[in-house]
Amino acid sequence: MENQTGPTGSKSLVQWAITPPQSYVVYLVALFLVAGGSFYVGTLKPKKAVSVDPPPISTPSAPRN
C-alpha cells in the first residue's frame, strides 16, 4: 500500500466539501436544514404568558369628595 500524505480528519472533509460539485450539495443541505428548522420553530405553540395586567378597578361604594 502507498502512504497517503494528504490531509486527514476534518481538514480532508473541509477540502472535500469545498470542491465545486460537493459544495453545491453542502449548500443545499444547509439551506434545507435552516428552512426546516425555521418552519419547525414557527409551528411550535408559545407557552401561555403570565398576565401582568393590574387588578380590575372595583367600583367604590361611596363617592369621593
PDB file of N, CA and C in Angstrom:
ATOM      1  N   MET A   1       0.830  -1.191   0.000  1.00  0.00           N
ATOM      2  CA  MET A   1       0.000   0.000   0.000  1.00  0.00           C
ATOM      3  C   MET A   1       0.866   1.243   0.000  1.00  0.00           C
ATOM      4  N   GLU A   2       0.278   2.288  -0.530  1.00  0.00           N
ATOM      5  CA  GLU A   2       1.005   3.551  -0.554  1.00  0.00           C
ATOM      6  C   GLU A   2       0.664   4.370   0.676  1.00  0.00           C
ATOM      7  N   ASN A   3       1.622   5.144   1.130  1.00  0.00           N
ATOM      8  CA  ASN A   3       1.354   6.063   2.239  1.00  0.00           C
ATOM      9  C   ASN A   3       0.658   7.295   1.700  1.00  0.00           C
ATOM     10  N   GLN A   4      -0.413   7.676   2.380  1.00  0.00           N
ATOM     11  CA  GLN A   4      -1.127   8.883   1.952  1.00  0.00           C
ATOM     12  C   GLN A   4      -0.534  10.079   2.687  1.00  0.00           C
ATOM     13  N   THR A   5      -0.151  11.081   1.946  1.00  0.00           N
ATOM     14  CA  THR A   5       0.438  12.268   2.562  1.00  0.00           C
ATOM     15  C   THR A   5      -0.529  13.437   2.541  1.00  0.00           C
ATOM     16  N   GLY A   6      -1.757  13.205   2.116  1.00  0.00           N
ATOM     17  CA  GLY A   6      -2.755  14.277   2.054  1.00  0.00           C
ATOM     18  C   GLY A   6      -3.298  14.598   3.438  1.00  0.00           C
ATOM     19  N   PRO A   7      -4.141  15.609   3.493  1.00  0.00           N
ATOM     20  CA  PRO A   7      -4.723  15.999   4.780  1.00  0.00           C
ATOM     21  C   PRO A   7      -5.633  14.901   5.319  1.00  0.00           C
ATOM     22  N   THR A   8      -5.705  14.828   6.638  1.00  0.00           N
ATOM     23  CA  THR A   8      -6.535  13.809   7.275  1.00  0.00           C
ATOM     24  C   THR A   8      -7.532  14.466   8.223  1.00  0.00           C
ATOM     25  N   GLY A   9      -8.560  13.721   8.577  1.00  0.00           N
ATOM     26  CA  GLY A   9      -9.523  14.201   9.559  1.00  0.00           C
ATOM     27  C   GLY A   9     -10.423  15.291   9.018  1.00  0.00           C
ATOM     28  N   SER A  10     -10.639  16.308   9.836  1.00  0.00           N
ATOM     29  CA  SER A  10     -11.567  17.374   9.463  1.00  0.00           C
ATOM     30  C   SER A  10     -11.041  18.217   8.299  1.00  0.00           C
ATOM     31  N   LYS A  11      -9.721  18.301   8.176  1.00  0.00           N
ATOM     32  CA  LYS A  11      -9.154  19.050   7.049  1.00  0.00           C
ATOM     33  C   LYS A  11      -9.555  18.418   5.720  1.00  0.00           C
ATOM     34  N   SER A  12      -9.495  17.091   5.657  1.00  0.00           N
ATOM     35  CA  SER A  12      -9.849  16.433   4.409  1.00  0.00           C
ATOM     36  C   SER A  12     -11.337  16.568   4.121  1.00  0.00           C
ATOM     37  N   LEU A  13     -12.162  16.554   5.170  1.00  0.00           N
ATOM     38  CA  LEU A  13     -13.600  16.729   4.988  1.00  0.00           C
ATOM     39  C   LEU A  13     -13.917  18.133   4.468  1.00  0.00           C
ATOM     40  N   VAL A  14     -13.275  19.130   5.023  1.00  0.00           N
ATOM     41  CA  VAL A  14     -13.484  20.502   4.562  1.00  0.00           C
ATOM     42  C   VAL A  14     -12.985  20.657   3.127  1.00  0.00           C
ATOM     43  N   GLN A  15     -11.835  20.083   2.842  1.00  0.00           N
ATOM     44  CA  GLN A  15     -11.296  20.186   1.487  1.00  0.00           C
ATOM     45  C   GLN A  15     -12.215  19.471   0.495  1.00  0.00           C
ATOM     46  N   TRP A  16     -12.791  18.340   0.905  1.00  0.00           N
ATOM     47  CA  TRP A  16     -13.731  17.629   0.037  1.00  0.00           C
ATOM     48  C   TRP A  16     -15.002  18.458  -0.154  1.00  0.00           C
ATOM     49  N   ALA A  17     -15.486  19.116   0.914  1.00  0.00           N
ATOM     50  CA  ALA A  17     -16.754  19.843   0.859  1.00  0.00           C
ATOM     51  C   ALA A  17     -16.669  21.137   0.061  1.00  0.00           C
ATOM     52  N   ILE A  18     -15.474  21.696  -0.116  1.00  0.00           N
ATOM     53  CA  ILE A  18     -15.380  22.976  -0.831  1.00  0.00           C
ATOM     54  C   ILE A  18     -15.087  22.807  -2.313  1.00  0.00           C
ATOM     55  N   THR A  19     -14.969  21.584  -2.785  1.00  0.00           N
ATOM     56  CA  THR A  19     -14.812  21.394  -4.226  1.00  0.00           C
ATOM     57  C   THR A  19     -16.168  21.609  -4.895  1.00  0.00           C
ATOM     58  N   PRO A  20     -16.179  22.126  -6.121  1.00  0.00           N
ATOM     59  CA  PRO A  20     -17.428  22.583  -6.733  1.00  0.00           C
ATOM     60  C   PRO A  20     -18.631  21.641  -6.708  1.00  0.00           C
ATOM     61  N   PRO A  21     -18.583  20.408  -7.134  1.00  0.00           N
ATOM     62  CA  PRO A  21     -19.837  19.637  -7.119  1.00  0.00           C
ATOM     63  C   PRO A  21     -20.370  19.401  -5.699  1.00  0.00           C
ATOM     64  N   GLN A  22     -19.473  19.103  -4.769  1.00  0.00           N
ATOM     65  CA  GLN A  22     -19.905  18.839  -3.406  1.00  0.00           C
ATOM     66  C   GLN A  22     -20.354  20.110  -2.703  1.00  0.00           C
ATOM     67  N   SER A  23     -19.762  21.247  -3.042  1.00  0.00           N
ATOM     68  CA  SER A  23     -20.124  22.488  -2.357  1.00  0.00           C
ATOM     69  C   SER A  23     -21.569  22.868  -2.637  1.00  0.00           C
ATOM     70  N   TYR A  24     -22.056  22.561  -3.831  1.00  0.00           N
ATOM     71  CA  TYR A  24     -23.460  22.843  -4.134  1.00  0.00           C
ATOM     72  C   TYR A  24     -24.380  21.992  -3.259  1.00  0.00           C
ATOM     73  N   VAL A  25     -24.027  20.739  -3.099  1.00  0.00           N
ATOM     74  CA  VAL A  25     -24.842  19.841  -2.274  1.00  0.00           C
ATOM     75  C   VAL A  25     -24.784  20.267  -0.810  1.00  0.00           C
ATOM     76  N   VAL A  26     -23.595  20.616  -0.324  1.00  0.00           N
ATOM     77  CA  VAL A  26     -23.454  21.062   1.063  1.00  0.00           C
ATOM     78  C   VAL A  26     -24.278  22.324   1.287  1.00  0.00           C
ATOM     79  N   TYR A  27     -24.253  23.246   0.344  1.00  0.00           N
ATOM     80  CA  TYR A  27     -25.037  24.478   0.458  1.00  0.00           C
ATOM     81  C   TYR A  27     -26.536  24.169   0.499  1.00  0.00           C
ATOM     82  N   LEU A  28     -27.006  23.293  -0.385  1.00  0.00           N
ATOM     83  CA  LEU A  28     -28.435  22.965  -0.407  1.00  0.00           C
ATOM     84  C   LEU A  28     -28.873  22.238   0.861  1.00  0.00           C
ATOM     85  N   VAL A  29     -28.038  21.348   1.360  1.00  0.00           N
ATOM     86  CA  VAL A  29     -28.374  20.652   2.607  1.00  0.00           C
ATOM     87  C   VAL A  29     -28.461  21.649   3.756  1.00  0.00           C
ATOM     88  N   ALA A  30     -27.514  22.573   3.838  1.00  0.00           N
ATOM     89  CA  ALA A  30     -27.547  23.589   4.887  1.00  0.00           C
ATOM     90  C   ALA A  30     -28.781  24.476   4.743  1.00  0.00           C
ATOM     91  N   LEU A  31     -29.126  24.831   3.512  1.00  0.00           N
ATOM     92  CA  LEU A  31     -30.307  25.660   3.271  1.00  0.00           C
ATOM     93  C   LEU A  31     -31.582  24.950   3.718  1.00  0.00           C
ATOM     94  N   PHE A  32     -31.701  23.658   3.390  1.00  0.00           N
ATOM     95  CA  PHE A  32     -32.878  22.891   3.809  1.00  0.00           C
ATOM     96  C   PHE A  32     -32.930  22.724   5.327  1.00  0.00           C
ATOM     97  N   LEU A  33     -31.776  22.547   5.955  1.00  0.00           N
ATOM     98  CA  LEU A  33     -31.762  22.428   7.414  1.00  0.00           C
ATOM     99  C   LEU A  33     -32.209  23.719   8.086  1.00  0.00           C
ATOM    100  N   VAL A  34     -31.749  24.845   7.594  1.00  0.00           N
ATOM    101  CA  VAL A  34     -32.148  26.132   8.167  1.00  0.00           C
ATOM    102  C   VAL A  34     -33.629  26.389   7.918  1.00  0.00           C
ATOM    103  N   ALA A  35     -34.104  26.129   6.693  1.00  0.00           N
ATOM    104  CA  ALA A  35     -35.513  26.348   6.376  1.00  0.00           C
ATOM    105  C   ALA A  35     -36.400  25.400   7.177  1.00  0.00           C
ATOM    106  N   GLY A  36     -36.010  24.148   7.289  1.00  0.00           N
ATOM    107  CA  GLY A  36     -36.794  23.187   8.058  1.00  0.00           C
ATOM    108  C   GLY A  36     -36.815  23.530   9.534  1.00  0.00           C
ATOM    109  N   GLY A  37     -35.682  23.925  10.069  1.00  0.00           N
ATOM    110  CA  GLY A  37     -35.635  24.340  11.480  1.00  0.00           C
ATOM    111  C   GLY A  37     -36.475  25.569  11.732  1.00  0.00           C
ATOM    112  N   SER A  38     -36.438  26.512  10.811  1.00  0.00           N
ATOM    113  CA  SER A  38     -37.246  27.723  10.944  1.00  0.00           C
ATOM    114  C   SER A  38     -38.735  27.396  10.893  1.00  0.00           C
ATOM    115  N   PHE A  39     -39.109  26.496   9.989  1.00  0.00           N
ATOM    116  CA  PHE A  39     -40.513  26.096   9.893  1.00  0.00           C
ATOM    117  C   PHE A  39     -40.957  25.372  11.161  1.00  0.00           C
ATOM    118  N   TYR A  40     -40.102  24.498  11.670  1.00  0.00           N
ATOM    119  CA  TYR A  40     -40.438  23.759  12.885  1.00  0.00           C
ATOM    120  C   TYR A  40     -40.610  24.705  14.072  1.00  0.00           C
ATOM    121  N   VAL A  41     -39.715  25.643  14.237  1.00  0.00           N
ATOM    122  CA  VAL A  41     -39.806  26.586  15.346  1.00  0.00           C
ATOM    123  C   VAL A  41     -41.050  27.464  15.196  1.00  0.00           C
ATOM    124  N   GLY A  42     -41.412  27.799  13.963  1.00  0.00           N
ATOM    125  CA  GLY A  42     -42.596  28.614  13.737  1.00  0.00           C
ATOM    126  C   GLY A  42     -43.885  27.889  14.024  1.00  0.00           C
ATOM    127  N   THR A  43     -43.874  26.558  13.998  1.00  0.00           N
ATOM    128  CA  THR A  43     -45.100  25.813  14.261  1.00  0.00           C
ATOM    129  C   THR A  43     -45.285  25.484  15.731  1.00  0.00           C
ATOM    130  N   LEU A  44     -44.300  25.766  16.561  1.00  0.00           N
ATOM    131  CA  LEU A  44     -44.435  25.474  17.980  1.00  0.00           C
ATOM    132  C   LEU A  44     -45.430  26.435  18.616  1.00  0.00           C
ATOM    133  N   LYS A  45     -46.203  25.926  19.547  1.00  0.00           N
ATOM    134  CA  LYS A  45     -47.157  26.783  20.251  1.00  0.00           C
ATOM    135  C   LYS A  45     -46.421  27.490  21.378  1.00  0.00           C
ATOM    136  N   PRO A  46     -46.622  28.797  21.500  1.00  0.00           N
ATOM    137  CA  PRO A  46     -45.949  29.501  22.587  1.00  0.00           C
ATOM    138  C   PRO A  46     -46.573  29.134  23.933  1.00  0.00           C
ATOM    139  N   LYS A  47     -45.775  29.193  24.970  1.00  0.00           N
ATOM    140  CA  LYS A  47     -46.296  28.953  26.312  1.00  0.00           C
ATOM    141  C   LYS A  47     -47.180  30.125  26.699  1.00  0.00           C
ATOM    142  N   LYS A  48     -48.190  29.828  27.496  1.00  0.00           N
ATOM    143  CA  LYS A  48     -49.101  30.883  27.915  1.00  0.00           C
ATOM    144  C   LYS A  48     -48.347  31.826  28.850  1.00  0.00           C
ATOM    145  N   ALA A  49     -48.331  33.089  28.500  1.00  0.00           N
ATOM    146  CA  ALA A  49     -47.613  34.078  29.293  1.00  0.00           C
ATOM    147  C   ALA A  49     -48.411  34.423  30.540  1.00  0.00           C
ATOM    148  N   VAL A  50     -47.689  34.697  31.605  1.00  0.00           N
ATOM    149  CA  VAL A  50     -48.336  35.109  32.843  1.00  0.00           C
ATOM    150  C   VAL A  50     -48.799  36.543  32.666  1.00  0.00           C
ATOM    151  N   SER A  51     -50.039  36.793  32.996  1.00  0.00           N
ATOM    152  CA  SER A  51     -50.603  38.125  32.817  1.00  0.00           C
ATOM    153  C   SER A  51     -50.030  39.078  33.852  1.00  0.00           C
ATOM    154  N   VAL A  52     -49.591  40.238  33.404  1.00  0.00           N
ATOM    155  CA  VAL A  52     -49.065  41.251  34.315  1.00  0.00           C
ATOM    156  C   VAL A  52     -49.983  42.470  34.340  1.00  0.00           C
ATOM    157  N   ASP A  53     -51.253  42.261  33.971  1.00  0.00           N
ATOM    158  CA  ASP A  53     -52.202  43.362  33.992  1.00  0.00           C
ATOM    159  C   ASP A  53     -52.511  43.748  35.434  1.00  0.00           C
ATOM    160  N   PRO A  54     -52.811  45.029  35.661  1.00  0.00           N
ATOM    161  CA  PRO A  54     -53.190  45.434  37.020  1.00  0.00           C
ATOM    162  C   PRO A  54     -54.547  44.831  37.376  1.00  0.00           C
ATOM    163  N   PRO A  55     -54.816  44.676  38.648  1.00  0.00           N
ATOM    164  CA  PRO A  55     -56.104  44.111  39.039  1.00  0.00           C
ATOM    165  C   PRO A  55     -57.241  45.028  38.599  1.00  0.00           C
ATOM    166  N   PRO A  56     -58.419  44.466  38.340  1.00  0.00           N
ATOM    167  CA  PRO A  56     -59.528  45.303  37.892  1.00  0.00           C
ATOM    168  C   PRO A  56     -59.934  46.308  38.967  1.00  0.00           C
ATOM    169  N   ILE A  57     -60.342  47.468  38.502  1.00  0.00           N
ATOM    170  CA  ILE A  57     -60.738  48.535  39.435  1.00  0.00           C
ATOM    171  C   ILE A  57     -62.157  48.223  39.925  1.00  0.00           C
ATOM    172  N   SER A  58     -62.276  48.148  41.228  1.00  0.00           N
ATOM    173  CA  SER A  58     -63.611  47.900  41.789  1.00  0.00           C
ATOM    174  C   SER A  58     -64.355  49.228  41.905  1.00  0.00           C
ATOM    175  N   THR A  59     -65.645  49.172  41.761  1.00  0.00           N
ATOM    176  CA  THR A  59     -66.435  50.410  41.876  1.00  0.00           C
ATOM    177  C   THR A  59     -66.573  50.762  43.341  1.00  0.00           C
ATOM    178  N   PRO A  60     -66.264  51.984  43.690  1.00  0.00           N
ATOM    179  CA  PRO A  60     -66.349  52.391  45.101  1.00  0.00           C
ATOM    180  C   PRO A  60     -67.818  52.454  45.551  1.00  0.00           C
ATOM    181  N   SER A  61     -68.008  52.130  46.816  1.00  0.00           N
ATOM    182  CA  SER A  61     -69.374  52.145  47.353  1.00  0.00           C
ATOM    183  C   SER A  61     -69.804  53.565  47.702  1.00  0.00           C
ATOM    184  N   ALA A  62     -68.854  54.427  48.031  1.00  0.00           N
ATOM    185  CA  ALA A  62     -69.200  55.812  48.360  1.00  0.00           C
ATOM    186  C   ALA A  62     -68.403  56.738  47.467  1.00  0.00           C
ATOM    187  N   PRO A  63     -69.016  57.802  46.968  1.00  0.00           N
ATOM    188  CA  PRO A  63     -68.258  58.741  46.122  1.00  0.00           C
ATOM    189  C   PRO A  63     -67.203  59.507  46.909  1.00  0.00           C
ATOM    190  N   ARG A  64     -66.122  59.851  46.243  1.00  0.00           N
ATOM    191  CA  ARG A  64     -65.063  60.631  46.877  1.00  0.00           C
ATOM    192  C   ARG A  64     -65.347  62.114  46.711  1.00  0.00           C
ATOM    193  N   ASN A  65     -64.865  62.894  47.657  1.00  0.00           N
ATOM    194  CA  ASN A  65     -65.027  64.360  47.572  1.00  0.00           C
ATOM    195  C   ASN A  65     -63.843  64.992  46.932  1.00  0.00           C
TER     196      ASN A  65
END
